């Protein structure tokens, strides 16, 4: 992109130091490949005042064939947690085996994370997130604020239990 047609101000805001600033976050590999890891506006702050990048958490779980949807939340809590909608394979799986798989994934993520980034809990929720129930946009992107409003307070009692995986 060379710039916006007849709009030098918008061009200056978008193109800086030869880079296109889109609002996406990414990581550059040692090979020079860019992997998008989330949106800058999706970052949230826990009650400890630490910023959490939810895309990194969510991507860990979305690689599992038992997970259809995942969203990291935690603005009302000291540590983030993740809510998950199971896929057909996840719903068909034995609960104990499923919990073990999710715990293993969580432990692997937490093992690579700083203390404030560690996920405290996984909560498996009943309802799929759709455009019709207001939890996805028409282009099927998560509405993090709507998910937070719907689940954070309601799941408070589960957050404070000792179980790593809870079921709504």
N, C-alpha and C. Protein backbone atom coordinates (compact mmCIF):
# COMPACT_ATOMS: atom_id res chain seq x y z
N UNK A 1 0.85 -1.18 0.00
CA UNK A 1 0.00 0.00 0.00
C UNK A 1 0.89 1.23 0.00
N UNK A 2 0.55 2.16 -0.85
CA UNK A 2 1.32 3.41 -0.91
C UNK A 2 0.68 4.52 -0.10
N UNK A 3 -0.60 4.38 0.20
CA UNK A 3 -1.29 5.39 0.98
C UNK A 3 -2.73 5.50 0.59
N UNK A 4 -3.46 6.31 1.34
CA UNK A 4 -4.87 6.55 1.06
C UNK A 4 -5.00 7.65 0.02
N UNK A 5 -5.91 7.48 -0.91
CA UNK A 5 -6.13 8.43 -1.98
C UNK A 5 -6.56 9.77 -1.42
N UNK A 6 -5.74 10.78 -1.67
CA UNK A 6 -6.01 12.17 -1.28
C UNK A 6 -6.27 12.33 0.22
N UNK A 7 -5.60 11.52 1.05
CA UNK A 7 -5.77 11.63 2.50
C UNK A 7 -4.42 11.42 3.19
N UNK A 8 -3.55 12.44 3.14
CA UNK A 8 -2.22 12.29 3.72
C UNK A 8 -2.22 12.09 5.24
N UNK A 9 -3.23 12.63 5.95
CA UNK A 9 -3.29 12.44 7.40
C UNK A 9 -3.52 10.98 7.76
N UNK A 10 -4.48 10.35 7.12
CA UNK A 10 -4.77 8.95 7.37
C UNK A 10 -3.61 8.07 6.92
N UNK A 11 -2.96 8.45 5.83
CA UNK A 11 -1.78 7.72 5.36
C UNK A 11 -0.68 7.79 6.41
N UNK A 12 -0.46 8.96 6.98
CA UNK A 12 0.60 9.13 8.00
C UNK A 12 0.29 8.32 9.26
N UNK A 13 -0.99 8.20 9.62
CA UNK A 13 -1.36 7.41 10.79
C UNK A 13 -1.20 5.91 10.55
N UNK A 14 -1.43 5.49 9.32
CA UNK A 14 -1.43 4.07 9.00
C UNK A 14 -0.06 3.56 8.59
N UNK A 15 0.68 4.35 7.83
CA UNK A 15 2.01 3.95 7.38
C UNK A 15 3.05 4.71 8.20
N UNK A 16 3.78 3.97 9.03
CA UNK A 16 4.81 4.59 9.87
C UNK A 16 6.09 3.78 9.76
N UNK A 17 7.18 4.48 9.49
CA UNK A 17 8.50 3.86 9.35
C UNK A 17 8.49 2.70 8.36
N UNK A 18 7.69 2.85 7.31
CA UNK A 18 7.65 1.82 6.26
C UNK A 18 6.79 0.62 6.59
N UNK A 19 6.06 0.66 7.71
CA UNK A 19 5.21 -0.45 8.11
C UNK A 19 3.75 -0.04 8.11
N UNK A 20 2.87 -0.98 7.75
CA UNK A 20 1.44 -0.79 7.78
C UNK A 20 0.95 -1.13 9.18
N UNK A 21 0.40 -0.16 9.89
CA UNK A 21 -0.10 -0.37 11.25
C UNK A 21 -1.59 -0.69 11.18
N UNK A 22 -1.93 -1.93 11.46
CA UNK A 22 -3.30 -2.42 11.31
C UNK A 22 -4.04 -2.56 12.61
N UNK A 23 -3.36 -2.53 13.74
CA UNK A 23 -4.00 -2.80 15.02
C UNK A 23 -3.86 -4.26 15.43
N UNK A 24 -3.20 -5.04 14.58
CA UNK A 24 -2.95 -6.44 14.90
C UNK A 24 -1.64 -6.56 15.67
N UNK A 25 -1.55 -7.60 16.52
CA UNK A 25 -0.30 -7.92 17.20
C UNK A 25 0.29 -9.14 16.53
N UNK A 26 1.60 -9.25 16.57
CA UNK A 26 2.22 -10.40 15.97
C UNK A 26 3.57 -10.70 16.56
N UNK A 27 4.09 -11.86 16.17
CA UNK A 27 5.43 -12.27 16.57
C UNK A 27 6.21 -12.58 15.31
N UNK A 28 7.44 -12.12 15.29
CA UNK A 28 8.32 -12.36 14.17
C UNK A 28 9.21 -13.55 14.50
N UNK A 29 9.18 -14.57 13.65
CA UNK A 29 9.98 -15.77 13.90
C UNK A 29 11.43 -15.50 13.52
N UNK A 30 12.31 -16.40 13.90
CA UNK A 30 13.73 -16.26 13.56
C UNK A 30 13.93 -16.37 12.04
N UNK A 31 12.96 -16.97 11.34
CA UNK A 31 13.02 -17.08 9.88
C UNK A 31 12.49 -15.84 9.18
N UNK A 32 11.96 -14.89 9.96
CA UNK A 32 11.43 -13.67 9.38
C UNK A 32 9.95 -13.73 9.03
N UNK A 33 9.24 -14.77 9.50
CA UNK A 33 7.81 -14.88 9.23
C UNK A 33 7.02 -14.23 10.35
N UNK A 34 5.98 -13.51 9.97
CA UNK A 34 5.12 -12.84 10.93
C UNK A 34 3.89 -13.70 11.19
N UNK A 35 3.62 -13.96 12.47
CA UNK A 35 2.41 -14.69 12.87
C UNK A 35 1.55 -13.72 13.66
N UNK A 36 0.32 -13.51 13.19
CA UNK A 36 -0.60 -12.63 13.91
C UNK A 36 -1.10 -13.37 15.15
N UNK A 37 -1.04 -12.68 16.30
CA UNK A 37 -1.40 -13.32 17.56
C UNK A 37 -2.63 -12.70 18.21
N UNK A 38 -3.17 -11.65 17.64
CA UNK A 38 -4.36 -11.03 18.22
C UNK A 38 -4.48 -9.58 17.82
N UNK A 39 -5.45 -8.92 18.42
CA UNK A 39 -5.69 -7.51 18.16
C UNK A 39 -5.25 -6.71 19.39
N UNK A 40 -4.69 -5.55 19.16
CA UNK A 40 -4.26 -4.69 20.26
C UNK A 40 -5.44 -4.35 21.15
N UNK A 41 -6.62 -4.11 20.57
CA UNK A 41 -7.77 -3.72 21.38
C UNK A 41 -8.33 -4.86 22.21
N UNK A 42 -7.92 -6.10 21.96
CA UNK A 42 -8.41 -7.24 22.74
C UNK A 42 -7.68 -7.39 24.08
N UNK A 43 -6.58 -6.71 24.27
CA UNK A 43 -5.83 -6.81 25.52
C UNK A 43 -6.71 -6.34 26.67
N UNK A 44 -6.64 -7.06 27.80
CA UNK A 44 -7.39 -6.63 28.99
C UNK A 44 -6.49 -6.66 30.20
N UNK A 45 -6.94 -5.97 31.25
CA UNK A 45 -6.16 -5.86 32.48
C UNK A 45 -6.87 -6.61 33.60
N UNK A 46 -6.11 -7.43 34.34
CA UNK A 46 -6.65 -8.13 35.50
C UNK A 46 -6.73 -7.18 36.68
N UNK A 47 -7.31 -7.66 37.80
CA UNK A 47 -7.39 -6.82 38.99
C UNK A 47 -6.02 -6.54 39.60
N UNK A 48 -5.01 -7.31 39.19
CA UNK A 48 -3.64 -7.05 39.65
C UNK A 48 -3.01 -5.89 38.86
N UNK A 49 -3.70 -5.43 37.82
CA UNK A 49 -3.18 -4.35 36.99
C UNK A 49 -2.26 -4.82 35.89
N UNK A 50 -2.24 -6.12 35.64
CA UNK A 50 -1.38 -6.69 34.60
C UNK A 50 -2.17 -6.89 33.32
N UNK A 51 -1.53 -6.61 32.19
CA UNK A 51 -2.19 -6.76 30.89
C UNK A 51 -2.05 -8.18 30.38
N UNK A 52 -3.15 -8.70 29.84
CA UNK A 52 -3.21 -10.06 29.32
C UNK A 52 -3.50 -9.99 27.82
N UNK A 53 -2.76 -10.76 27.05
CA UNK A 53 -2.99 -10.89 25.61
C UNK A 53 -3.79 -12.18 25.41
N UNK A 54 -5.09 -12.08 25.21
CA UNK A 54 -5.92 -13.28 25.17
C UNK A 54 -5.67 -14.19 23.97
N UNK A 55 -5.24 -13.65 22.86
CA UNK A 55 -5.02 -14.46 21.67
C UNK A 55 -4.03 -15.59 21.89
N UNK A 56 -3.01 -15.36 22.68
CA UNK A 56 -2.02 -16.40 22.97
C UNK A 56 -2.64 -17.55 23.75
N UNK A 57 -3.50 -17.20 24.69
CA UNK A 57 -4.16 -18.22 25.50
C UNK A 57 -5.14 -19.01 24.63
N UNK A 58 -5.96 -18.29 23.91
CA UNK A 58 -7.01 -18.91 23.11
C UNK A 58 -6.43 -19.83 22.03
N UNK A 59 -5.34 -19.42 21.42
CA UNK A 59 -4.76 -20.24 20.35
C UNK A 59 -4.28 -21.59 20.86
N UNK A 60 -3.86 -21.66 22.13
CA UNK A 60 -3.44 -22.93 22.71
C UNK A 60 -4.57 -23.94 22.70
N UNK A 61 -5.77 -23.48 23.00
CA UNK A 61 -6.91 -24.38 23.10
C UNK A 61 -7.60 -24.61 21.76
N UNK A 62 -7.56 -23.62 20.89
CA UNK A 62 -8.22 -23.76 19.59
C UNK A 62 -7.52 -24.75 18.67
N UNK A 63 -6.29 -25.14 18.99
CA UNK A 63 -5.60 -26.17 18.20
C UNK A 63 -6.11 -27.57 18.53
N UNK A 64 -6.83 -27.71 19.64
CA UNK A 64 -7.34 -29.01 20.05
C UNK A 64 -8.62 -29.34 19.28
N UNK A 65 -8.73 -30.56 18.74
CA UNK A 65 -9.95 -30.92 18.00
C UNK A 65 -11.20 -30.99 18.87
N UNK A 66 -11.04 -31.00 20.18
CA UNK A 66 -12.20 -31.07 21.09
C UNK A 66 -12.77 -29.69 21.42
N UNK A 67 -12.08 -28.63 20.97
CA UNK A 67 -12.50 -27.26 21.27
C UNK A 67 -12.99 -26.58 20.00
N UNK A 68 -14.20 -26.03 20.08
CA UNK A 68 -14.76 -25.30 18.95
C UNK A 68 -14.54 -23.80 19.11
N UNK A 69 -14.74 -23.29 20.32
CA UNK A 69 -14.57 -21.86 20.59
C UNK A 69 -13.88 -21.69 21.93
N UNK A 70 -13.03 -20.66 22.03
CA UNK A 70 -12.32 -20.38 23.28
C UNK A 70 -12.18 -18.88 23.45
N UNK A 71 -12.33 -18.41 24.68
CA UNK A 71 -12.20 -16.99 24.96
C UNK A 71 -11.56 -16.82 26.34
N UNK A 72 -10.47 -16.07 26.40
CA UNK A 72 -9.81 -15.75 27.66
C UNK A 72 -10.46 -14.50 28.25
N UNK A 73 -10.79 -14.58 29.53
CA UNK A 73 -11.42 -13.48 30.25
C UNK A 73 -10.71 -13.27 31.57
N UNK A 74 -11.10 -12.21 32.30
CA UNK A 74 -10.52 -12.03 33.62
C UNK A 74 -10.39 -10.61 34.11
N UNK A 75 -11.16 -9.67 33.57
CA UNK A 75 -11.01 -8.29 34.04
C UNK A 75 -11.46 -8.12 35.49
N UNK A 76 -12.28 -9.04 35.99
CA UNK A 76 -12.77 -8.96 37.38
C UNK A 76 -11.98 -9.86 38.33
N UNK A 77 -10.90 -10.45 37.84
CA UNK A 77 -10.17 -11.45 38.63
C UNK A 77 -8.67 -11.17 38.59
N UNK A 78 -7.96 -11.81 39.51
CA UNK A 78 -6.51 -11.60 39.60
C UNK A 78 -5.74 -12.39 38.55
N UNK A 79 -6.29 -13.49 38.08
CA UNK A 79 -5.66 -14.32 37.05
C UNK A 79 -6.69 -14.56 35.95
N UNK A 80 -6.23 -14.66 34.70
CA UNK A 80 -7.18 -14.93 33.63
C UNK A 80 -7.72 -16.36 33.70
N UNK A 81 -8.85 -16.57 33.06
CA UNK A 81 -9.39 -17.91 32.89
C UNK A 81 -9.90 -18.01 31.46
N UNK A 82 -10.16 -19.21 31.03
CA UNK A 82 -10.62 -19.40 29.65
C UNK A 82 -11.95 -20.14 29.66
N UNK A 83 -12.88 -19.65 28.84
CA UNK A 83 -14.14 -20.34 28.66
C UNK A 83 -14.09 -21.05 27.30
N UNK A 84 -14.67 -22.22 27.26
CA UNK A 84 -14.56 -23.08 26.08
C UNK A 84 -15.93 -23.63 25.71
N UNK A 85 -16.19 -23.65 24.40
CA UNK A 85 -17.33 -24.36 23.84
C UNK A 85 -16.75 -25.59 23.15
N UNK A 86 -17.26 -26.74 23.50
CA UNK A 86 -16.73 -27.99 22.95
C UNK A 86 -17.22 -28.23 21.52
N UNK A 87 -16.39 -28.90 20.75
CA UNK A 87 -16.77 -29.36 19.42
C UNK A 87 -17.57 -30.65 19.57
N UNK A 88 -18.04 -31.18 18.47
CA UNK A 88 -18.76 -32.46 18.51
C UNK A 88 -17.89 -33.55 19.11
N UNK A 89 -16.60 -33.56 18.73
CA UNK A 89 -15.67 -34.56 19.26
C UNK A 89 -15.49 -34.39 20.77
N UNK A 90 -15.45 -33.14 21.22
CA UNK A 90 -15.31 -32.88 22.65
C UNK A 90 -16.52 -33.31 23.44
N UNK A 91 -17.71 -33.08 22.87
CA UNK A 91 -18.94 -33.47 23.55
C UNK A 91 -19.07 -34.99 23.65
N UNK A 92 -18.50 -35.69 22.67
CA UNK A 92 -18.58 -37.16 22.64
C UNK A 92 -17.51 -37.82 23.52
N UNK A 93 -16.51 -37.06 23.92
CA UNK A 93 -15.39 -37.62 24.68
C UNK A 93 -15.75 -37.84 26.14
N UNK A 94 -15.15 -38.83 26.74
CA UNK A 94 -15.28 -39.10 28.17
C UNK A 94 -14.82 -37.86 28.95
N UNK A 95 -15.61 -37.44 29.95
CA UNK A 95 -15.31 -36.21 30.70
C UNK A 95 -13.94 -36.25 31.37
N UNK A 96 -13.57 -37.38 31.91
CA UNK A 96 -12.28 -37.48 32.59
C UNK A 96 -11.14 -37.33 31.60
N UNK A 97 -11.22 -38.01 30.46
CA UNK A 97 -10.17 -37.89 29.44
C UNK A 97 -10.11 -36.47 28.89
N UNK A 98 -11.28 -35.87 28.68
CA UNK A 98 -11.34 -34.50 28.18
C UNK A 98 -10.71 -33.54 29.18
N UNK A 99 -11.05 -33.69 30.45
CA UNK A 99 -10.46 -32.83 31.49
C UNK A 99 -8.95 -32.99 31.54
N UNK A 100 -8.47 -34.21 31.43
CA UNK A 100 -7.02 -34.46 31.44
C UNK A 100 -6.33 -33.78 30.26
N UNK A 101 -6.94 -33.86 29.08
CA UNK A 101 -6.37 -33.22 27.89
C UNK A 101 -6.32 -31.71 28.06
N UNK A 102 -7.39 -31.12 28.56
CA UNK A 102 -7.42 -29.67 28.78
C UNK A 102 -6.43 -29.24 29.86
N UNK A 103 -6.31 -30.03 30.94
CA UNK A 103 -5.33 -29.72 32.00
C UNK A 103 -3.91 -29.76 31.45
N UNK A 104 -3.61 -30.76 30.63
CA UNK A 104 -2.27 -30.89 30.04
C UNK A 104 -1.96 -29.68 29.17
N UNK A 105 -2.93 -29.24 28.39
CA UNK A 105 -2.75 -28.06 27.54
C UNK A 105 -2.54 -26.82 28.40
N UNK A 106 -3.32 -26.70 29.46
CA UNK A 106 -3.19 -25.57 30.38
C UNK A 106 -1.82 -25.56 31.05
N UNK A 107 -1.37 -26.71 31.52
CA UNK A 107 -0.06 -26.80 32.18
C UNK A 107 1.07 -26.44 31.21
N UNK A 108 0.95 -26.85 29.95
CA UNK A 108 1.97 -26.52 28.96
C UNK A 108 2.02 -25.01 28.73
N UNK A 109 0.85 -24.37 28.61
CA UNK A 109 0.79 -22.92 28.43
C UNK A 109 1.36 -22.22 29.67
N UNK A 110 0.90 -22.61 30.84
CA UNK A 110 1.34 -21.96 32.07
C UNK A 110 2.83 -22.14 32.31
N UNK A 111 3.38 -23.26 31.87
CA UNK A 111 4.82 -23.51 32.02
C UNK A 111 5.69 -22.56 31.23
N UNK A 112 5.13 -21.96 30.20
CA UNK A 112 5.86 -21.01 29.35
C UNK A 112 5.50 -19.56 29.65
N UNK A 113 4.66 -19.34 30.66
CA UNK A 113 4.12 -18.01 30.90
C UNK A 113 4.65 -17.40 32.19
N UNK A 114 4.66 -16.07 32.22
CA UNK A 114 5.01 -15.36 33.44
C UNK A 114 3.88 -15.56 34.44
N UNK A 115 4.15 -15.38 35.71
CA UNK A 115 3.18 -15.67 36.77
C UNK A 115 1.84 -14.98 36.54
N UNK A 116 1.85 -13.71 36.20
CA UNK A 116 0.59 -12.97 36.04
C UNK A 116 -0.19 -13.41 34.81
N UNK A 117 0.46 -14.09 33.85
CA UNK A 117 -0.21 -14.55 32.63
C UNK A 117 -0.82 -15.95 32.77
N UNK A 118 -0.48 -16.64 33.84
CA UNK A 118 -0.93 -18.01 34.00
C UNK A 118 -2.45 -18.08 34.13
N UNK A 119 -3.03 -19.02 33.41
CA UNK A 119 -4.47 -19.21 33.42
C UNK A 119 -4.84 -20.05 34.64
N UNK A 120 -5.79 -19.55 35.41
CA UNK A 120 -6.18 -20.24 36.64
C UNK A 120 -7.15 -21.38 36.39
N UNK A 121 -8.04 -21.24 35.43
CA UNK A 121 -9.14 -22.17 35.30
C UNK A 121 -9.65 -22.24 33.88
N UNK A 122 -10.22 -23.39 33.55
CA UNK A 122 -10.94 -23.61 32.30
C UNK A 122 -12.39 -23.87 32.67
N UNK A 123 -13.30 -23.16 32.04
CA UNK A 123 -14.73 -23.39 32.26
C UNK A 123 -15.35 -23.77 30.92
N UNK A 124 -15.97 -24.92 30.89
CA UNK A 124 -16.65 -25.37 29.68
C UNK A 124 -18.09 -24.88 29.78
N UNK A 125 -18.50 -24.06 28.80
CA UNK A 125 -19.83 -23.48 28.82
C UNK A 125 -20.77 -24.27 27.91
N UNK A 126 -22.06 -24.16 28.18
CA UNK A 126 -23.07 -24.94 27.48
C UNK A 126 -23.38 -24.42 26.08
N UNK A 127 -23.60 -23.11 25.97
CA UNK A 127 -24.12 -22.54 24.73
C UNK A 127 -23.02 -22.15 23.76
N UNK A 128 -23.26 -22.45 22.48
CA UNK A 128 -22.38 -21.97 21.41
C UNK A 128 -22.53 -20.46 21.30
N UNK A 129 -21.48 -19.81 20.83
CA UNK A 129 -21.54 -18.37 20.62
C UNK A 129 -21.89 -18.15 19.16
N UNK A 130 -22.94 -17.38 18.95
CA UNK A 130 -23.42 -17.12 17.60
C UNK A 130 -23.72 -15.65 17.44
N UNK A 131 -23.95 -15.26 16.19
CA UNK A 131 -24.38 -13.90 15.89
C UNK A 131 -25.77 -13.69 16.48
N UNK A 132 -26.62 -14.72 16.40
CA UNK A 132 -28.00 -14.60 16.87
C UNK A 132 -28.09 -14.34 18.38
N UNK A 133 -27.19 -14.93 19.17
CA UNK A 133 -27.26 -14.69 20.62
C UNK A 133 -26.37 -13.51 21.05
N UNK A 134 -25.83 -12.78 20.06
CA UNK A 134 -25.10 -11.55 20.35
C UNK A 134 -23.67 -11.74 20.83
N UNK A 135 -23.13 -12.96 20.72
CA UNK A 135 -21.78 -13.21 21.21
C UNK A 135 -20.74 -13.25 20.09
N UNK A 136 -21.19 -13.20 18.84
CA UNK A 136 -20.31 -13.09 17.68
C UNK A 136 -20.80 -11.95 16.80
N UNK A 137 -19.88 -11.36 16.06
CA UNK A 137 -20.24 -10.34 15.09
C UNK A 137 -20.81 -11.02 13.84
N UNK A 138 -21.39 -10.26 12.92
CA UNK A 138 -21.86 -10.87 11.67
C UNK A 138 -20.75 -11.57 10.88
N UNK A 139 -19.49 -11.18 11.10
CA UNK A 139 -18.37 -11.85 10.44
C UNK A 139 -17.76 -12.94 11.31
N UNK A 140 -18.50 -13.34 12.36
CA UNK A 140 -18.16 -14.45 13.25
C UNK A 140 -16.91 -14.24 14.10
N UNK A 141 -16.65 -12.98 14.45
CA UNK A 141 -15.59 -12.68 15.41
C UNK A 141 -16.22 -12.59 16.79
N UNK A 142 -15.45 -13.00 17.80
CA UNK A 142 -15.95 -12.95 19.18
C UNK A 142 -16.20 -11.51 19.61
N UNK A 143 -17.27 -11.32 20.35
CA UNK A 143 -17.52 -10.04 21.01
C UNK A 143 -17.07 -10.22 22.46
N UNK A 144 -15.80 -9.91 22.71
CA UNK A 144 -15.21 -10.16 24.02
C UNK A 144 -15.98 -9.46 25.14
N UNK A 145 -16.41 -8.22 24.90
CA UNK A 145 -17.15 -7.51 25.95
C UNK A 145 -18.48 -8.18 26.25
N UNK A 146 -19.16 -8.68 25.23
CA UNK A 146 -20.43 -9.38 25.44
C UNK A 146 -20.19 -10.70 26.18
N UNK A 147 -19.14 -11.41 25.83
CA UNK A 147 -18.80 -12.65 26.52
C UNK A 147 -18.45 -12.37 27.98
N UNK A 148 -17.69 -11.31 28.19
CA UNK A 148 -17.31 -10.92 29.55
C UNK A 148 -18.55 -10.59 30.37
N UNK A 149 -19.45 -9.81 29.79
CA UNK A 149 -20.67 -9.43 30.51
C UNK A 149 -21.53 -10.65 30.85
N UNK A 150 -21.59 -11.57 29.92
CA UNK A 150 -22.45 -12.75 30.14
C UNK A 150 -21.85 -13.74 31.14
N UNK A 151 -20.52 -13.92 31.09
CA UNK A 151 -19.93 -15.02 31.85
C UNK A 151 -19.12 -14.65 33.09
N UNK A 152 -18.46 -13.51 33.11
CA UNK A 152 -17.52 -13.26 34.22
C UNK A 152 -18.16 -13.30 35.59
N UNK A 153 -19.26 -12.61 35.80
CA UNK A 153 -19.91 -12.62 37.11
C UNK A 153 -20.60 -13.96 37.37
N UNK A 154 -21.24 -14.50 36.35
CA UNK A 154 -21.98 -15.75 36.51
C UNK A 154 -21.06 -16.91 36.89
N UNK A 155 -19.83 -16.88 36.39
CA UNK A 155 -18.90 -17.97 36.65
C UNK A 155 -18.02 -17.73 37.87
N UNK A 156 -18.26 -16.64 38.58
CA UNK A 156 -17.47 -16.32 39.76
C UNK A 156 -17.33 -17.45 40.76
N UNK A 157 -18.43 -18.12 41.13
CA UNK A 157 -18.30 -19.23 42.08
C UNK A 157 -17.39 -20.35 41.56
N UNK A 158 -17.45 -20.63 40.26
CA UNK A 158 -16.58 -21.67 39.68
C UNK A 158 -15.13 -21.25 39.69
N UNK A 159 -14.87 -19.95 39.48
CA UNK A 159 -13.51 -19.44 39.45
C UNK A 159 -12.79 -19.73 40.76
N UNK A 160 -13.52 -19.68 41.85
CA UNK A 160 -12.91 -19.81 43.17
C UNK A 160 -12.83 -21.25 43.69
N UNK A 161 -13.22 -22.22 42.89
CA UNK A 161 -13.09 -23.61 43.31
C UNK A 161 -11.67 -24.11 43.00
N UNK A 162 -11.30 -25.25 43.55
CA UNK A 162 -9.97 -25.80 43.34
C UNK A 162 -9.84 -26.59 42.04
N UNK A 163 -10.97 -26.94 41.43
CA UNK A 163 -10.92 -27.72 40.18
C UNK A 163 -10.31 -26.87 39.06
N UNK A 164 -9.46 -27.50 38.27
CA UNK A 164 -8.86 -26.79 37.13
C UNK A 164 -9.85 -26.67 35.99
N UNK A 165 -10.65 -27.70 35.77
CA UNK A 165 -11.67 -27.70 34.71
C UNK A 165 -13.04 -27.76 35.37
N UNK A 166 -13.89 -26.79 35.06
CA UNK A 166 -15.26 -26.76 35.59
C UNK A 166 -16.24 -26.77 34.43
N UNK A 167 -17.46 -27.20 34.71
CA UNK A 167 -18.52 -27.29 33.71
C UNK A 167 -19.66 -26.39 34.13
N UNK A 168 -20.13 -25.58 33.21
CA UNK A 168 -21.26 -24.69 33.48
C UNK A 168 -22.52 -25.51 33.72
